[in-house]
Amino acid sequence: MFSTVSGKPISPNNVLRTWIWPACQASGIPRATWLTFRRTYSSWAHEKGVPAKVVAGIMGHTKVDTTLNVYTQVLDGAAREAAARIGSELSRIDVITTSASQRPA
């Protein structure tokens, strides 16, 4: 745990005002909040295949639904990748079906 010079806990809002928001401004990105970090973590973990139950536990949620419905967002390209995977599988099935129907009886 980090503390102020006087020994008191650092206020989360002071961390945002003192370090996070100036860094965002210098980088030219919108202001990040603690919710931004939670959503980013949950979304990245989901994209990398970390089980939702594990992410929920790390985030302190008793229900996986909270993690998935409130914090996890579909990242750019995820829908396109999912469509490509399904399309690839459908093409494979079509090849198997076509080659089987062309065999002599």
C-alpha atoms as a PDB file:
ATOM      1  CA  MET A   1       0.000   0.000   0.000  1.00  0.00           C
ATOM      2  CA  PHE A   2       1.214   3.449  -0.854  1.00  0.00           C
ATOM      3  CA  SER A   3       0.760   6.446   1.404  1.00  0.00           C
ATOM      4  CA  THR A   4       1.107  10.201   1.349  1.00  0.00           C
ATOM      5  CA  VAL A   5       3.962  12.017   3.053  1.00  0.00           C
ATOM      6  CA  SER A   6       1.750  12.314   6.138  1.00  0.00           C
ATOM      7  CA  GLY A   7       1.142   8.546   6.165  1.00  0.00           C
ATOM      8  CA  LYS A   8      -2.442   8.590   4.958  1.00  0.00           C
ATOM      9  CA  PRO A   9      -3.582   6.322   2.105  1.00  0.00           C
ATOM     10  CA  ILE A  10      -3.311   7.910  -1.325  1.00  0.00           C
ATOM     11  CA  SER A  11      -6.686   8.932  -2.678  1.00  0.00           C
ATOM     12  CA  PRO A  12      -7.528   7.108  -5.923  1.00  0.00           C
ATOM     13  CA  ASN A  13      -8.863  10.392  -7.314  1.00  0.00           C
ATOM     14  CA  ASN A  14      -5.546  12.098  -6.571  1.00  0.00           C
ATOM     15  CA  VAL A  15      -3.744   9.377  -8.532  1.00  0.00           C
ATOM     16  CA  LEU A  16      -5.996  10.117 -11.489  1.00  0.00           C
ATOM     17  CA  ARG A  17      -5.541  13.893 -11.237  1.00  0.00           C
ATOM     18  CA  THR A  18      -1.810  13.833 -10.535  1.00  0.00           C
ATOM     19  CA  TRP A  19      -0.518  11.099 -12.831  1.00  0.00           C
ATOM     20  CA  ILE A  20      -3.110   9.427 -15.049  1.00  0.00           C
ATOM     21  CA  TRP A  21      -4.921  12.428 -16.537  1.00  0.00           C
ATOM     22  CA  PRO A  22      -1.736  14.392 -17.311  1.00  0.00           C
ATOM     23  CA  ALA A  23      -0.329  11.277 -19.015  1.00  0.00           C
ATOM     24  CA  CYS A  24      -3.534  10.931 -21.035  1.00  0.00           C
ATOM     25  CA  GLN A  25      -3.383  14.580 -22.059  1.00  0.00           C
ATOM     26  CA  ALA A  26       0.278  14.299 -23.055  1.00  0.00           C
ATOM     27  CA  SER A  27      -0.537  11.198 -25.112  1.00  0.00           C
ATOM     28  CA  GLY A  28      -3.525  12.808 -26.780  1.00  0.00           C
ATOM     29  CA  ILE A  29      -6.001  10.218 -25.519  1.00  0.00           C
ATOM     30  CA  PRO A  30      -9.243  10.710 -23.554  1.00  0.00           C
ATOM     31  CA  ARG A  31      -9.071  10.785 -19.763  1.00  0.00           C
ATOM     32  CA  ALA A  32      -8.917   7.299 -18.293  1.00  0.00           C
ATOM     33  CA  THR A  33     -10.793   6.388 -15.132  1.00  0.00           C
ATOM     34  CA  TRP A  34     -10.569   3.361 -12.876  1.00  0.00           C
ATOM     35  CA  LEU A  35     -13.519   1.945 -14.821  1.00  0.00           C
ATOM     36  CA  THR A  36     -11.446   2.334 -18.004  1.00  0.00           C
ATOM     37  CA  PHE A  37      -8.688   0.194 -16.501  1.00  0.00           C
ATOM     38  CA  ARG A  38     -11.138  -2.468 -15.288  1.00  0.00           C
ATOM     39  CA  ARG A  39     -12.833  -2.685 -18.679  1.00  0.00           C
ATOM     40  CA  THR A  40      -9.490  -2.798 -20.468  1.00  0.00           C
ATOM     41  CA  TYR A  41      -8.192  -5.598 -18.242  1.00  0.00           C
ATOM     42  CA  SER A  42     -11.381  -7.629 -18.567  1.00  0.00           C
ATOM     43  CA  SER A  43     -11.543  -7.196 -22.350  1.00  0.00           C
ATOM     44  CA  TRP A  44      -7.878  -8.018 -22.934  1.00  0.00           C
ATOM     45  CA  ALA A  45      -8.025 -11.052 -20.662  1.00  0.00           C
ATOM     46  CA  HIS A  46     -11.123 -12.297 -22.508  1.00  0.00           C
ATOM     47  CA  GLU A  47      -9.412 -11.784 -25.881  1.00  0.00           C
ATOM     48  CA  LYS A  48      -6.376 -13.759 -24.676  1.00  0.00           C
ATOM     49  CA  GLY A  49      -8.555 -16.686 -23.626  1.00  0.00           C
ATOM     50  CA  VAL A  50      -8.376 -16.279 -19.846  1.00  0.00           C
ATOM     51  CA  PRO A  51     -11.423 -18.101 -18.435  1.00  0.00           C
ATOM     52  CA  ALA A  52     -14.186 -15.678 -17.427  1.00  0.00           C
ATOM     53  CA  LYS A  53     -14.423 -17.283 -13.981  1.00  0.00           C
ATOM     54  CA  VAL A  54     -10.737 -16.494 -13.363  1.00  0.00           C
ATOM     55  CA  VAL A  55     -11.135 -12.887 -14.517  1.00  0.00           C
ATOM     56  CA  ALA A  56     -14.241 -12.499 -12.340  1.00  0.00           C
ATOM     57  CA  GLY A  57     -12.309 -13.751  -9.311  1.00  0.00           C
ATOM     58  CA  ILE A  58      -9.387 -11.419  -9.931  1.00  0.00           C
ATOM     59  CA  MET A  59     -11.779  -8.486 -10.309  1.00  0.00           C
ATOM     60  CA  GLY A  60     -13.617  -9.409  -7.099  1.00  0.00           C
ATOM     61  CA  HIS A  61     -16.899 -10.376  -8.744  1.00  0.00           C
ATOM     62  CA  THR A  62     -18.977 -13.212  -7.331  1.00  0.00           C
ATOM     63  CA  LYS A  63     -20.911 -13.536 -10.588  1.00  0.00           C
ATOM     64  CA  VAL A  64     -19.249 -14.095 -13.949  1.00  0.00           C
ATOM     65  CA  ASP A  65     -22.222 -12.302 -15.517  1.00  0.00           C
ATOM     66  CA  THR A  66     -21.065  -9.031 -13.968  1.00  0.00           C
ATOM     67  CA  THR A  67     -17.637  -9.403 -15.506  1.00  0.00           C
ATOM     68  CA  LEU A  68     -18.942 -10.333 -18.947  1.00  0.00           C
ATOM     69  CA  ASN A  69     -21.927  -7.981 -19.160  1.00  0.00           C
ATOM     70  CA  VAL A  70     -20.507  -4.874 -17.488  1.00  0.00           C
ATOM     71  CA  TYR A  71     -16.745  -4.949 -17.999  1.00  0.00           C
ATOM     72  CA  THR A  72     -15.889  -7.122 -21.011  1.00  0.00           C
ATOM     73  CA  GLN A  73     -16.180  -5.418 -24.389  1.00  0.00           C
ATOM     74  CA  VAL A  74     -15.742  -6.903 -27.853  1.00  0.00           C
ATOM     75  CA  LEU A  75     -12.483  -5.520 -29.195  1.00  0.00           C
ATOM     76  CA  ASP A  76     -11.986  -4.282 -32.751  1.00  0.00           C
ATOM     77  CA  GLY A  77     -11.422  -7.152 -35.125  1.00  0.00           C
ATOM     78  CA  ALA A  78     -12.850  -9.812 -32.796  1.00  0.00           C
ATOM     79  CA  ALA A  79     -16.099 -10.142 -34.762  1.00  0.00           C
ATOM     80  CA  ARG A  80     -14.153 -10.302 -38.032  1.00  0.00           C
ATOM     81  CA  GLU A  81     -11.873 -13.001 -36.631  1.00  0.00           C
ATOM     82  CA  ALA A  82     -14.846 -15.005 -35.360  1.00  0.00           C
ATOM     83  CA  ALA A  83     -16.517 -14.815 -38.792  1.00  0.00           C
ATOM     84  CA  ALA A  84     -13.291 -15.946 -40.477  1.00  0.00           C
ATOM     85  CA  ARG A  85     -12.978 -18.927 -38.122  1.00  0.00           C
ATOM     86  CA  ILE A  86     -16.574 -20.003 -38.743  1.00  0.00           C
ATOM     87  CA  GLY A  87     -16.188 -19.433 -42.484  1.00  0.00           C
ATOM     88  CA  SER A  88     -13.056 -21.562 -42.522  1.00  0.00           C
ATOM     89  CA  GLU A  89     -14.855 -24.378 -40.715  1.00  0.00           C
ATOM     90  CA  LEU A  90     -17.857 -24.164 -43.060  1.00  0.00           C
ATOM     91  CA  SER A  91     -15.523 -24.333 -46.063  1.00  0.00           C
ATOM     92  CA  ARG A  92     -13.875 -27.435 -44.612  1.00  0.00           C
ATOM     93  CA  ILE A  93     -17.268 -29.091 -44.110  1.00  0.00           C
ATOM     94  CA  ASP A  94     -18.275 -28.190 -47.677  1.00  0.00           C
ATOM     95  CA  VAL A  95     -15.082 -29.782 -49.050  1.00  0.00           C
ATOM     96  CA  ILE A  96     -15.717 -32.983 -47.079  1.00  0.00           C
ATOM     97  CA  THR A  97     -19.373 -33.116 -48.200  1.00  0.00           C
ATOM     98  CA  THR A  98     -18.526 -32.378 -51.845  1.00  0.00           C
ATOM     99  CA  SER A  99     -15.753 -34.942 -52.062  1.00  0.00           C
ATOM    100  CA  ALA A 100     -17.956 -37.579 -50.407  1.00  0.00           C
ATOM    101  CA  SER A 101     -20.803 -36.968 -52.881  1.00  0.00           C
ATOM    102  CA  GLN A 102     -18.445 -37.303 -55.854  1.00  0.00           C
ATOM    103  CA  ARG A 103     -17.261 -40.801 -54.943  1.00  0.00           C
ATOM    104  CA  PRO A 104     -18.514 -43.615 -57.178  1.00  0.00           C
ATOM    105  CA  ALA A 105     -21.251 -45.724 -55.614  1.00  0.00           C
END
